[in-house]
Amino acid sequence: MQSRTAQHPETAMSTVVVRYRPTPDRADENQRLVEAVFAELAETDPGGVRYATFRLADGTFVHIADVEADPNPLGATAAFAEFQQGIVDRCEEGEGPNPQAATLVGSYRFLADDVNA
């Protein structure tokens, strides 16, 4: 199995996974803010980024971003700036955003360029 960079050496992507858990009373607000980011991305279509967010059953949010552009297009979106404002205050103590660099080990029909998609 090849890493994403090995599959596409012409495209050096940076993949980041971010986990955090909002307080139960702020989770729906957080989701609305996240949905606004996706709405703006759909409207502006900045390119250079693939982005997904999951809300887990325990209330944790997981964001996965593959970024090809420099600078990161998310940083230029107003909705993303609004989402980031107060994120630590929306989270359970000790459960704030924890960004981690990630390497794709394998994928089946998950990403747009999957061979089997």
PDB file of N, CA and C in Angstrom:
ATOM      1  N   MET A   1       0.848  -1.179   0.000  1.00  0.00           N
ATOM      2  CA  MET A   1       0.000   0.000   0.000  1.00  0.00           C
ATOM      3  C   MET A   1       0.890   1.237   0.000  1.00  0.00           C
ATOM      4  N   GLN A   2       0.562   2.220  -0.821  1.00  0.00           N
ATOM      5  CA  GLN A   2       1.382   3.408  -0.946  1.00  0.00           C
ATOM      6  C   GLN A   2       0.772   4.570  -0.187  1.00  0.00           C
ATOM      7  N   SER A   3       1.644   5.454   0.273  1.00  0.00           N
ATOM      8  CA  SER A   3       1.152   6.675   0.898  1.00  0.00           C
ATOM      9  C   SER A   3       0.616   7.587  -0.184  1.00  0.00           C
ATOM     10  N   ARG A   4      -0.138   8.609   0.197  1.00  0.00           N
ATOM     11  CA  ARG A   4      -0.692   9.554  -0.773  1.00  0.00           C
ATOM     12  C   ARG A   4       0.428  10.196  -1.574  1.00  0.00           C
ATOM     13  N   THR A   5       1.542  10.578  -0.948  1.00  0.00           N
ATOM     14  CA  THR A   5       2.624  11.222  -1.669  1.00  0.00           C
ATOM     15  C   THR A   5       3.233  10.259  -2.677  1.00  0.00           C
ATOM     16  N   ALA A   6       3.340   8.976  -2.326  1.00  0.00           N
ATOM     17  CA  ALA A   6       3.877   8.001  -3.267  1.00  0.00           C
ATOM     18  C   ALA A   6       2.934   7.798  -4.444  1.00  0.00           C
ATOM     19  N   GLN A   7       1.633   7.860  -4.208  1.00  0.00           N
ATOM     20  CA  GLN A   7       0.661   7.695  -5.287  1.00  0.00           C
ATOM     21  C   GLN A   7       0.679   8.892  -6.222  1.00  0.00           C
ATOM     22  N   HIS A   8       0.893  10.074  -5.689  1.00  0.00           N
ATOM     23  CA  HIS A   8       0.828  11.318  -6.441  1.00  0.00           C
ATOM     24  C   HIS A   8       2.047  12.170  -6.121  1.00  0.00           C
ATOM     25  N   PRO A   9       3.244  11.783  -6.605  1.00  0.00           N
ATOM     26  CA  PRO A   9       4.443  12.516  -6.218  1.00  0.00           C
ATOM     27  C   PRO A   9       4.436  13.965  -6.668  1.00  0.00           C
ATOM     28  N   GLU A  10       3.648  14.291  -7.698  1.00  0.00           N
ATOM     29  CA  GLU A  10       3.592  15.672  -8.173  1.00  0.00           C
ATOM     30  C   GLU A  10       2.784  16.562  -7.235  1.00  0.00           C
ATOM     31  N   THR A  11       2.051  15.969  -6.307  1.00  0.00           N
ATOM     32  CA  THR A  11       1.212  16.734  -5.389  1.00  0.00           C
ATOM     33  C   THR A  11       1.638  16.454  -3.959  1.00  0.00           C
ATOM     34  N   ALA A  12       2.319  17.385  -3.360  1.00  0.00           N
ATOM     35  CA  ALA A  12       2.728  17.228  -1.967  1.00  0.00           C
ATOM     36  C   ALA A  12       1.619  17.784  -1.090  1.00  0.00           C
ATOM     37  N   MET A  13       0.837  16.910  -0.493  1.00  0.00           N
ATOM     38  CA  MET A  13      -0.267  17.331   0.363  1.00  0.00           C
ATOM     39  C   MET A  13       0.147  17.256   1.816  1.00  0.00           C
ATOM     40  N   SER A  14      -0.455  18.093   2.575  1.00  0.00           N
ATOM     41  CA  SER A  14      -0.297  18.068   4.016  1.00  0.00           C
ATOM     42  C   SER A  14      -1.650  17.657   4.586  1.00  0.00           C
ATOM     43  N   THR A  15      -1.670  16.575   5.337  1.00  0.00           N
ATOM     44  CA  THR A  15      -2.919  16.107   5.935  1.00  0.00           C
ATOM     45  C   THR A  15      -2.887  16.370   7.434  1.00  0.00           C
ATOM     46  N   VAL A  16      -3.965  16.976   7.906  1.00  0.00           N
ATOM     47  CA  VAL A  16      -4.088  17.289   9.326  1.00  0.00           C
ATOM     48  C   VAL A  16      -5.413  16.731   9.833  1.00  0.00           C
ATOM     49  N   VAL A  17      -5.370  16.104  10.995  1.00  0.00           N
ATOM     50  CA  VAL A  17      -6.571  15.615  11.667  1.00  0.00           C
ATOM     51  C   VAL A  17      -6.676  16.373  12.993  1.00  0.00           C
ATOM     52  N   VAL A  18      -7.855  16.926  13.248  1.00  0.00           N
ATOM     53  CA  VAL A  18      -8.079  17.685  14.475  1.00  0.00           C
ATOM     54  C   VAL A  18      -9.262  17.067  15.220  1.00  0.00           C
ATOM     55  N   ARG A  19      -9.047  16.789  16.501  1.00  0.00           N
ATOM     56  CA  ARG A  19     -10.106  16.244  17.363  1.00  0.00           C
ATOM     57  C   ARG A  19     -10.359  17.212  18.505  1.00  0.00           C
ATOM     58  N   TYR A  20     -11.624  17.316  18.891  1.00  0.00           N
ATOM     59  CA  TYR A  20     -11.985  18.109  20.072  1.00  0.00           C
ATOM     60  C   TYR A  20     -13.402  17.734  20.470  1.00  0.00           C
ATOM     61  N   ARG A  21     -13.760  18.049  21.717  1.00  0.00           N
ATOM     62  CA  ARG A  21     -15.106  17.739  22.193  1.00  0.00           C
ATOM     63  C   ARG A  21     -15.743  18.987  22.802  1.00  0.00           C
ATOM     64  N   PRO A  22     -16.758  19.524  22.121  1.00  0.00           N
ATOM     65  CA  PRO A  22     -17.478  20.661  22.697  1.00  0.00           C
ATOM     66  C   PRO A  22     -18.310  20.215  23.898  1.00  0.00           C
ATOM     67  N   THR A  23     -18.660  21.170  24.721  1.00  0.00           N
ATOM     68  CA  THR A  23     -19.573  20.863  25.812  1.00  0.00           C
ATOM     69  C   THR A  23     -20.925  20.494  25.190  1.00  0.00           C
ATOM     70  N   PRO A  24     -21.708  19.653  25.853  1.00  0.00           N
ATOM     71  CA  PRO A  24     -22.982  19.231  25.272  1.00  0.00           C
ATOM     72  C   PRO A  24     -23.901  20.395  24.899  1.00  0.00           C
ATOM     73  N   ASP A  25     -23.876  21.463  25.686  1.00  0.00           N
ATOM     74  CA  ASP A  25     -24.761  22.591  25.405  1.00  0.00           C
ATOM     75  C   ASP A  25     -24.255  23.476  24.251  1.00  0.00           C
ATOM     76  N   ARG A  26     -23.022  23.228  23.751  1.00  0.00           N
ATOM     77  CA  ARG A  26     -22.483  24.040  22.657  1.00  0.00           C
ATOM     78  C   ARG A  26     -22.209  23.208  21.403  1.00  0.00           C
ATOM     79  N   ALA A  27     -22.491  21.912  21.458  1.00  0.00           N
ATOM     80  CA  ALA A  27     -22.189  21.030  20.320  1.00  0.00           C
ATOM     81  C   ALA A  27     -22.999  21.393  19.077  1.00  0.00           C
ATOM     82  N   ASP A  28     -24.283  21.698  19.238  1.00  0.00           N
ATOM     83  CA  ASP A  28     -25.105  22.061  18.075  1.00  0.00           C
ATOM     84  C   ASP A  28     -24.646  23.392  17.476  1.00  0.00           C
ATOM     85  N   GLU A  29     -24.277  24.335  18.332  1.00  0.00           N
ATOM     86  CA  GLU A  29     -23.724  25.616  17.854  1.00  0.00           C
ATOM     87  C   GLU A  29     -22.454  25.350  17.054  1.00  0.00           C
ATOM     88  N   ASN A  30     -21.590  24.479  17.579  1.00  0.00           N
ATOM     89  CA  ASN A  30     -20.355  24.144  16.892  1.00  0.00           C
ATOM     90  C   ASN A  30     -20.660  23.547  15.514  1.00  0.00           C
ATOM     91  N   GLN A  31     -21.643  22.650  15.477  1.00  0.00           N
ATOM     92  CA  GLN A  31     -22.003  22.030  14.196  1.00  0.00           C
ATOM     93  C   GLN A  31     -22.481  23.085  13.205  1.00  0.00           C
ATOM     94  N   ARG A  32     -23.280  24.035  13.639  1.00  0.00           N
ATOM     95  CA  ARG A  32     -23.749  25.101  12.737  1.00  0.00           C
ATOM     96  C   ARG A  32     -22.572  25.913  12.191  1.00  0.00           C
ATOM     97  N   LEU A  33     -21.600  26.189  13.043  1.00  0.00           N
ATOM     98  CA  LEU A  33     -20.415  26.928  12.598  1.00  0.00           C
ATOM     99  C   LEU A  33     -19.628  26.120  11.562  1.00  0.00           C
ATOM    100  N   VAL A  34     -19.497  24.827  11.794  1.00  0.00           N
ATOM    101  CA  VAL A  34     -18.806  23.946  10.840  1.00  0.00           C
ATOM    102  C   VAL A  34     -19.572  23.909   9.519  1.00  0.00           C
ATOM    103  N   GLU A  35     -20.883  23.775   9.588  1.00  0.00           N
ATOM    104  CA  GLU A  35     -21.698  23.741   8.362  1.00  0.00           C
ATOM    105  C   GLU A  35     -21.544  25.029   7.563  1.00  0.00           C
ATOM    106  N   ALA A  36     -21.377  26.157   8.253  1.00  0.00           N
ATOM    107  CA  ALA A  36     -21.175  27.431   7.562  1.00  0.00           C
ATOM    108  C   ALA A  36     -19.846  27.441   6.805  1.00  0.00           C
ATOM    109  N   VAL A  37     -18.834  26.781   7.351  1.00  0.00           N
ATOM    110  CA  VAL A  37     -17.548  26.674   6.645  1.00  0.00           C
ATOM    111  C   VAL A  37     -17.746  25.917   5.339  1.00  0.00           C
ATOM    112  N   PHE A  38     -18.455  24.799   5.401  1.00  0.00           N
ATOM    113  CA  PHE A  38     -18.683  24.008   4.186  1.00  0.00           C
ATOM    114  C   PHE A  38     -19.529  24.773   3.172  1.00  0.00           C
ATOM    115  N   ALA A  39     -20.490  25.542   3.642  1.00  0.00           N
ATOM    116  CA  ALA A  39     -21.315  26.351   2.736  1.00  0.00           C
ATOM    117  C   ALA A  39     -20.453  27.387   2.020  1.00  0.00           C
ATOM    118  N   GLU A  40     -19.560  28.028   2.755  1.00  0.00           N
ATOM    119  CA  GLU A  40     -18.690  29.027   2.123  1.00  0.00           C
ATOM    120  C   GLU A  40     -17.722  28.367   1.147  1.00  0.00           C
ATOM    121  N   LEU A  41     -17.173  27.223   1.511  1.00  0.00           N
ATOM    122  CA  LEU A  41     -16.279  26.512   0.594  1.00  0.00           C
ATOM    123  C   LEU A  41     -17.006  26.124  -0.688  1.00  0.00           C
ATOM    124  N   ALA A  42     -18.237  25.672  -0.563  1.00  0.00           N
ATOM    125  CA  ALA A  42     -19.025  25.297  -1.743  1.00  0.00           C
ATOM    126  C   ALA A  42     -19.292  26.513  -2.627  1.00  0.00           C
ATOM    127  N   GLU A  43     -19.512  27.653  -1.995  1.00  0.00           N
ATOM    128  CA  GLU A  43     -19.810  28.878  -2.739  1.00  0.00           C
ATOM    129  C   GLU A  43     -18.564  29.453  -3.418  1.00  0.00           C
ATOM    130  N   THR A  44     -17.438  29.446  -2.710  1.00  0.00           N
ATOM    131  CA  THR A  44     -16.229  30.096  -3.232  1.00  0.00           C
ATOM    132  C   THR A  44     -15.315  29.147  -3.991  1.00  0.00           C
ATOM    133  N   ASP A  45     -15.417  27.842  -3.733  1.00  0.00           N
ATOM    134  CA  ASP A  45     -14.609  26.815  -4.397  1.00  0.00           C
ATOM    135  C   ASP A  45     -13.147  27.238  -4.530  1.00  0.00           C
ATOM    136  N   PRO A  46     -12.447  27.397  -3.383  1.00  0.00           N
ATOM    137  CA  PRO A  46     -11.089  27.920  -3.439  1.00  0.00           C
ATOM    138  C   PRO A  46     -10.051  26.955  -4.017  1.00  0.00           C
ATOM    139  N   GLY A  47     -10.371  25.663  -4.073  1.00  0.00           N
ATOM    140  CA  GLY A  47      -9.389  24.697  -4.550  1.00  0.00           C
ATOM    141  C   GLY A  47      -8.259  24.541  -3.542  1.00  0.00           C
ATOM    142  N   GLY A  48      -7.417  23.561  -3.776  1.00  0.00           N
ATOM    143  CA  GLY A  48      -6.251  23.375  -2.934  1.00  0.00           C
ATOM    144  C   GLY A  48      -6.498  22.746  -1.589  1.00  0.00           C
ATOM    145  N   VAL A  49      -7.733  22.301  -1.344  1.00  0.00           N
ATOM    146  CA  VAL A  49      -8.037  21.682  -0.050  1.00  0.00           C
ATOM    147  C   VAL A  49      -9.166  20.671  -0.220  1.00  0.00           C
ATOM    148  N   ARG A  50      -9.044  19.588   0.522  1.00  0.00           N
ATOM    149  CA  ARG A  50     -10.144  18.630   0.706  1.00  0.00           C
ATOM    150  C   ARG A  50     -10.381  18.598   2.201  1.00  0.00           C
ATOM    151  N   TYR A  51     -11.649  18.624   2.569  1.00  0.00           N
ATOM    152  CA  TYR A  51     -11.958  18.853   3.978  1.00  0.00           C
ATOM    153  C   TYR A  51     -13.205  18.080   4.340  1.00  0.00           C
ATOM    154  N   ALA A  52     -13.167  17.397   5.470  1.00  0.00           N
ATOM    155  CA  ALA A  52     -14.329  16.664   5.966  1.00  0.00           C
ATOM    156  C   ALA A  52     -14.386  16.811   7.480  1.00  0.00           C
ATOM    157  N   THR A  53     -15.593  16.808   8.002  1.00  0.00           N
ATOM    158  CA  THR A  53     -15.789  16.867   9.448  1.00  0.00           C
ATOM    159  C   THR A  53     -16.786  15.790   9.843  1.00  0.00           C
ATOM    160  N   PHE A  54     -16.492  15.112  10.939  1.00  0.00           N
ATOM    161  CA  PHE A  54     -17.355  14.071  11.484  1.00  0.00           C
ATOM    162  C   PHE A  54     -17.728  14.451  12.915  1.00  0.00           C
ATOM    163  N   ARG A  55     -18.967  14.165  13.278  1.00  0.00           N
ATOM    164  CA  ARG A  55     -19.419  14.310  14.665  1.00  0.00           C
ATOM    165  C   ARG A  55     -19.652  12.901  15.181  1.00  0.00           C
ATOM    166  N   LEU A  56     -18.873  12.508  16.162  1.00  0.00           N
ATOM    167  CA  LEU A  56     -18.951  11.155  16.692  1.00  0.00           C
ATOM    168  C   LEU A  56     -20.080  11.033  17.714  1.00  0.00           C
ATOM    169  N   ALA A  57     -20.475   9.806  17.994  1.00  0.00           N
ATOM    170  CA  ALA A  57     -21.584   9.551  18.915  1.00  0.00           C
ATOM    171  C   ALA A  57     -21.316  10.098  20.317  1.00  0.00           C
ATOM    172  N   ASP A  58     -20.046  10.179  20.718  1.00  0.00           N
ATOM    173  CA  ASP A  58     -19.732  10.689  22.056  1.00  0.00           C
ATOM    174  C   ASP A  58     -19.632  12.215  22.102  1.00  0.00           C
ATOM    175  N   GLY A  59     -19.914  12.880  20.969  1.00  0.00           N
ATOM    176  CA  GLY A  59     -19.883  14.339  20.925  1.00  0.00           C
ATOM    177  C   GLY A  59     -18.581  14.919  20.397  1.00  0.00           C
ATOM    178  N   THR A  60     -17.603  14.074  20.205  1.00  0.00           N
ATOM    179  CA  THR A  60     -16.323  14.524  19.660  1.00  0.00           C
ATOM    180  C   THR A  60     -16.486  14.896  18.189  1.00  0.00           C
ATOM    181  N   PHE A  61     -15.793  15.952  17.769  1.00  0.00           N
ATOM    182  CA  PHE A  61     -15.719  16.328  16.363  1.00  0.00           C
ATOM    183  C   PHE A  61     -14.335  15.968  15.848  1.00  0.00           C
ATOM    184  N   VAL A  62     -14.280  15.453  14.629  1.00  0.00           N
ATOM    185  CA  VAL A  62     -13.020  15.122  13.977  1.00  0.00           C
ATOM    186  C   VAL A  62     -13.021  15.800  12.611  1.00  0.00           C
ATOM    187  N   HIS A  63     -12.011  16.615  12.371  1.00  0.00           N
ATOM    188  CA  HIS A  63     -11.844  17.297  11.088  1.00  0.00           C
ATOM    189  C   HIS A  63     -10.636  16.681  10.389  1.00  0.00           C
ATOM    190  N   ILE A  64     -10.757  16.431   9.099  1.00  0.00           N
ATOM    191  CA  ILE A  64      -9.643  15.932   8.295  1.00  0.00           C
ATOM    192  C   ILE A  64      -9.481  16.881   7.120  1.00  0.00           C
ATOM    193  N   ALA A  65      -8.280  17.413   6.983  1.00  0.00           N
ATOM    194  CA  ALA A  65      -8.004  18.345   5.889  1.00  0.00           C
ATOM    195  C   ALA A  65      -6.768  17.881   5.131  1.00  0.00           C
ATOM    196  N   ASP A  66      -6.899  17.754   3.818  1.00  0.00           N
ATOM    197  CA  ASP A  66      -5.773  17.551   2.910  1.00  0.00           C
ATOM    198  C   ASP A  66      -5.553  18.886   2.231  1.00  0.00           C
ATOM    199  N   VAL A  67      -4.395  19.468   2.439  1.00  0.00           N
ATOM    200  CA  VAL A  67      -4.133  20.803   1.914  1.00  0.00           C
ATOM    201  C   VAL A  67      -3.000  20.743   0.908  1.00  0.00           C
ATOM    202  N   GLU A  68      -3.275  21.217  -0.319  1.00  0.00           N
ATOM    203  CA  GLU A  68      -2.260  21.270  -1.371  1.00  0.00           C
ATOM    204  C   GLU A  68      -1.775  22.689  -1.589  1.00  0.00           C
ATOM    205  N   ALA A  69      -2.572  23.649  -1.218  1.00  0.00           N
ATOM    206  CA  ALA A  69      -2.260  25.048  -1.499  1.00  0.00           C
ATOM    207  C   ALA A  69      -1.481  25.674  -0.358  1.00  0.00           C
ATOM    208  N   ASP A  70      -0.676  26.649  -0.716  1.00  0.00           N
ATOM    209  CA  ASP A  70       0.049  27.420   0.280  1.00  0.00           C
ATOM    210  C   ASP A  70      -0.141  28.888  -0.055  1.00  0.00           C
ATOM    211  N   PRO A  71      -0.835  29.633   0.774  1.00  0.00           N
ATOM    212  CA  PRO A  71      -1.319  29.268   2.110  1.00  0.00           C
ATOM    213  C   PRO A  71      -2.591  28.419   2.053  1.00  0.00           C
ATOM    214  N   ASN A  72      -2.910  27.824   3.181  1.00  0.00           N
ATOM    215  CA  ASN A  72      -4.098  26.998   3.327  1.00  0.00           C
ATOM    216  C   ASN A  72      -5.350  27.830   3.016  1.00  0.00           C
ATOM    217  N   PRO A  73      -6.169  27.398   2.039  1.00  0.00           N
ATOM    218  CA  PRO A  73      -7.369  28.153   1.682  1.00  0.00           C
ATOM    219  C   PRO A  73      -8.374  28.320   2.825  1.00  0.00           C
ATOM    220  N   LEU A  74      -8.366  27.420   3.786  1.00  0.00           N
ATOM    221  CA  LEU A  74      -9.298  27.555   4.908  1.00  0.00           C
ATOM    222  C   LEU A  74      -9.053  28.851   5.669  1.00  0.00           C
ATOM    223  N   GLY A  75      -7.804  29.248   5.755  1.00  0.00           N
ATOM    224  CA  GLY A  75      -7.455  30.459   6.485  1.00  0.00           C
ATOM    225  C   GLY A  75      -8.023  31.725   5.872  1.00  0.00           C
ATOM    226  N   ALA A  76      -8.418  31.661   4.601  1.00  0.00           N
ATOM    227  CA  ALA A  76      -8.955  32.833   3.905  1.00  0.00           C
ATOM    228  C   ALA A  76     -10.477  32.889   3.939  1.00  0.00           C
ATOM    229  N   THR A  77     -11.127  31.925   4.580  1.00  0.00           N
ATOM    230  CA  THR A  77     -12.587  31.926   4.602  1.00  0.00           C
ATOM    231  C   THR A  77     -13.105  32.575   5.880  1.00  0.00           C
ATOM    232  N   ALA A  78     -14.065  33.462   5.713  1.00  0.00           N
ATOM    233  CA  ALA A  78     -14.649  34.172   6.860  1.00  0.00           C
ATOM    234  C   ALA A  78     -15.325  33.200   7.817  1.00  0.00           C
ATOM    235  N   ALA A  79     -16.008  32.202   7.273  1.00  0.00           N
ATOM    236  CA  ALA A  79     -16.720  31.249   8.130  1.00  0.00           C
ATOM    237  C   ALA A  79     -15.748  30.427   8.972  1.00  0.00           C
ATOM    238  N   PHE A  80     -14.583  30.099   8.421  1.00  0.00           N
ATOM    239  CA  PHE A  80     -13.593  29.350   9.191  1.00  0.00           C
ATOM    240  C   PHE A  80     -13.046  30.212  10.321  1.00  0.00           C
ATOM    241  N   ALA A  81     -12.824  31.487  10.046  1.00  0.00           N
ATOM    242  CA  ALA A  81     -12.364  32.405  11.089  1.00  0.00           C
ATOM    243  C   ALA A  81     -13.409  32.498  12.202  1.00  0.00           C
ATOM    244  N   GLU A  82     -14.669  32.579  11.816  1.00  0.00           N
ATOM    245  CA  GLU A  82     -15.741  32.639  12.814  1.00  0.00           C
ATOM    246  C   GLU A  82     -15.809  31.343  13.618  1.00  0.00           C
ATOM    247  N   PHE A  83     -15.653  30.198  12.941  1.00  0.00           N
ATOM    248  CA  PHE A  83     -15.650  28.900  13.613  1.00  0.00           C
ATOM    249  C   PHE A  83     -14.520  28.831  14.646  1.00  0.00           C
ATOM    250  N   GLN A  84     -13.344  29.320  14.287  1.00  0.00           N
ATOM    251  CA  GLN A  84     -12.201  29.235  15.191  1.00  0.00           C
ATOM    252  C   GLN A  84     -12.332  30.148  16.403  1.00  0.00           C
ATOM    253  N   GLN A  85     -13.073  31.243  16.237  1.00  0.00           N
ATOM    254  CA  GLN A  85     -13.264  32.164  17.366  1.00  0.00           C
ATOM    255  C   GLN A  85     -13.979  31.444  18.498  1.00  0.00           C
ATOM    256  N   GLY A  86     -13.384  31.425  19.639  1.00  0.00           N
ATOM    257  CA  GLY A  86     -14.036  30.848  20.813  1.00  0.00           C
ATOM    258  C   GLY A  86     -14.091  29.333  20.833  1.00  0.00           C
ATOM    259  N   ILE A  87     -13.352  28.653  19.959  1.00  0.00           N
ATOM    260  CA  ILE A  87     -13.418  27.186  19.930  1.00  0.00           C
ATOM    261  C   ILE A  87     -13.011  26.589  21.273  1.00  0.00           C
ATOM    262  N   VAL A  88     -11.998  27.123  21.900  1.00  0.00           N
ATOM    263  CA  VAL A  88     -11.558  26.582  23.194  1.00  0.00           C
ATOM    264  C   VAL A  88     -12.658  26.752  24.236  1.00  0.00           C
ATOM    265  N   ASP A  89     -13.364  27.872  24.199  1.00  0.00           N
ATOM    266  CA  ASP A  89     -14.453  28.123  25.154  1.00  0.00           C
ATOM    267  C   ASP A  89     -15.647  27.197  24.918  1.00  0.00           C
ATOM    268  N   ARG A  90     -15.813  26.718  23.682  1.00  0.00           N
ATOM    269  CA  ARG A  90     -16.922  25.796  23.389  1.00  0.00           C
ATOM    270  C   ARG A  90     -16.618  24.365  23.829  1.00  0.00           C
ATOM    271  N   CYS A  91     -15.359  24.084  24.179  1.00  0.00           N
ATOM    272  CA  CYS A  91     -14.942  22.708  24.434  1.00  0.00           C
ATOM    273  C   CYS A  91     -14.924  22.351  25.916  1.00  0.00           C
ATOM    274  N   GLU A  92     -15.078  21.052  26.145  1.00  0.00           N
ATOM    275  CA  GLU A  92     -14.897  20.499  27.483  1.00  0.00           C
ATOM    276  C   GLU A  92     -13.468  20.816  27.930  1.00  0.00           C
ATOM    277  N   GLU A  93     -13.281  21.002  29.232  1.00  0.00           N
ATOM    278  CA  GLU A  93     -11.943  21.264  29.749  1.00  0.00           C
ATOM    279  C   GLU A  93     -11.013  20.104  29.381  1.00  0.00           C
ATOM    280  N   GLY A  94      -9.871  20.438  28.839  1.00  0.00           N
ATOM    281  CA  GLY A  94      -8.897  19.423  28.442  1.00  0.00           C
ATOM    282  C   GLY A  94      -9.222  18.722  27.138  1.00  0.00           C
ATOM    283  N   GLU A  95     -10.299  19.127  26.461  1.00  0.00           N
ATOM    284  CA  GLU A  95     -10.728  18.464  25.218  1.00  0.00           C
ATOM    285  C   GLU A  95     -10.735  19.440  24.042  1.00  0.00           C
ATOM    286  N   GLY A  96      -9.894  20.477  24.129  1.00  0.00           N
ATOM    287  CA  GLY A  96      -9.814  21.456  23.054  1.00  0.00           C
ATOM    288  C   GLY A  96      -9.165  20.873  21.807  1.00  0.00           C
ATOM    289  N   PRO A  97      -9.104  21.667  20.756  1.00  0.00           N
ATOM    290  CA  PRO A  97      -8.561  21.185  19.485  1.00  0.00           C
ATOM    291  C   PRO A  97      -7.152  20.612  19.636  1.00  0.00           C
ATOM    292  N   ASN A  98      -6.964  19.448  19.048  1.00  0.00           N
ATOM    293  CA  ASN A  98      -5.681  18.759  19.077  1.00  0.00           C
ATOM    294  C   ASN A  98      -5.290  18.392  17.649  1.00  0.00           C
ATOM    295  N   PRO A  99      -4.641  19.316  16.931  1.00  0.00           N
ATOM    296  CA  PRO A  99      -4.262  19.021  15.549  1.00  0.00           C
ATOM    297  C   PRO A  99      -3.048  18.093  15.495  1.00  0.00           C
ATOM    298  N   GLN A 100      -3.113  17.140  14.587  1.00  0.00           N
ATOM    299  CA  GLN A 100      -2.021  16.188  14.386  1.00  0.00           C
ATOM    300  C   GLN A 100      -1.779  16.012  12.896  1.00  0.00           C
ATOM    301  N   ALA A 101      -0.516  16.035  12.489  1.00  0.00           N
ATOM    302  CA  ALA A 101      -0.180  15.677  11.108  1.00  0.00           C
ATOM    303  C   ALA A 101      -0.523  14.202  10.932  1.00  0.00           C
ATOM    304  N   ALA A 102      -0.980  13.842   9.736  1.00  0.00           N
ATOM    305  CA  ALA A 102      -1.391  12.460   9.491  1.00  0.00           C
ATOM    306  C   ALA A 102      -0.883  11.996   8.132  1.00  0.00           C
ATOM    307  N   THR A 103      -0.656  10.697   8.031  1.00  0.00           N
ATOM    308  CA  THR A 103      -0.255  10.070   6.781  1.00  0.00           C
ATOM    309  C   THR A 103      -1.312   9.048   6.406  1.00  0.00           C
ATOM    310  N   LEU A 104      -1.826   9.136   5.201  1.00  0.00           N
ATOM    311  CA  LEU A 104      -2.826   8.185   4.725  1.00  0.00           C
ATOM    312  C   LEU A 104      -2.177   6.821   4.540  1.00  0.00           C
ATOM    313  N   VAL A 105      -2.708   5.833   5.219  1.00  0.00           N
ATOM    314  CA  VAL A 105      -2.213   4.469   5.112  1.00  0.00           C
ATOM    315  C   VAL A 105      -3.001   3.705   4.060  1.00  0.00           C
ATOM    316  N   GLY A 106      -4.299   3.941   4.012  1.00  0.00           N
ATOM    317  CA  GLY A 106      -5.154   3.283   3.035  1.00  0.00           C
ATOM    318  C   GLY A 106      -6.513   3.935   3.008  1.00  0.00           C
ATOM    319  N   SER A 107      -7.210   3.751   1.898  1.00  0.00           N
ATOM    320  CA  SER A 107      -8.532   4.340   1.736  1.00  0.00           C
ATOM    321  C   SER A 107      -9.298   3.515   0.713  1.00  0.00           C
ATOM    322  N   TYR A 108     -10.551   3.300   0.958  1.00  0.00           N
ATOM    323  CA  TYR A 108     -11.407   2.627  -0.013  1.00  0.00           C
ATOM    324  C   TYR A 108     -12.615   3.511  -0.265  1.00  0.00           C
ATOM    325  N   ARG A 109     -12.655   4.126  -1.429  1.00  0.00           N
ATOM    326  CA  ARG A 109     -13.750   4.998  -1.853  1.00  0.00           C
ATOM    327  C   ARG A 109     -14.026   6.153  -0.893  1.00  0.00           C
ATOM    328  N   PHE A 110     -13.018   6.550  -0.155  1.00  0.00           N
ATOM    329  CA  PHE A 110     -13.206   7.627   0.805  1.00  0.00           C
ATOM    330  C   PHE A 110     -12.829   8.976   0.210  1.00  0.00           C
ATOM    331  N   LEU A 111     -11.790   8.998  -0.561  1.00  0.00           N
ATOM    332  CA  LEU A 111     -11.308  10.226  -1.151  1.00  0.00           C
ATOM    333  C   LEU A 111     -11.649  10.265  -2.636  1.00  0.00           C
ATOM    334  N   ALA A 112     -11.787  11.451  -3.183  1.00  0.00           N
ATOM    335  CA  ALA A 112     -12.243  11.623  -4.561  1.00  0.00           C
ATOM    336  C   ALA A 112     -11.341  10.931  -5.578  1.00  0.00           C
ATOM    337  N   ASP A 113     -10.056  10.814  -5.312  1.00  0.00           N
ATOM    338  CA  ASP A 113      -9.170  10.219  -6.302  1.00  0.00           C
ATOM    339  C   ASP A 113      -8.862   8.763  -6.021  1.00  0.00           C
ATOM    340  N   ASP A 114      -9.625   8.107  -5.135  1.00  0.00           N
ATOM    341  CA  ASP A 114      -9.437   6.689  -4.900  1.00  0.00           C
ATOM    342  C   ASP A 114      -9.609   5.934  -6.209  1.00  0.00           C
ATOM    343  N   VAL A 115      -8.727   5.008  -6.458  1.00  0.00           N
ATOM    344  CA  VAL A 115      -8.753   4.220  -7.685  1.00  0.00           C
ATOM    345  C   VAL A 115     -10.073   3.468  -7.829  1.00  0.00           C
ATOM    346  N   ASN A 116     -10.630   2.989  -6.724  1.00  0.00           N
ATOM    347  CA  ASN A 116     -11.848   2.174  -6.771  1.00  0.00           C
ATOM    348  C   ASN A 116     -13.126   2.993  -6.657  1.00  0.00           C
ATOM    349  N   ALA A 117     -13.005   4.304  -6.656  1.00  0.00           N
ATOM    350  CA  ALA A 117     -14.195   5.147  -6.479  1.00  0.00           C
ATOM    351  C   ALA A 117     -15.111   5.065  -7.673  1.00  0.00           C
TER     352      ALA A 117
END
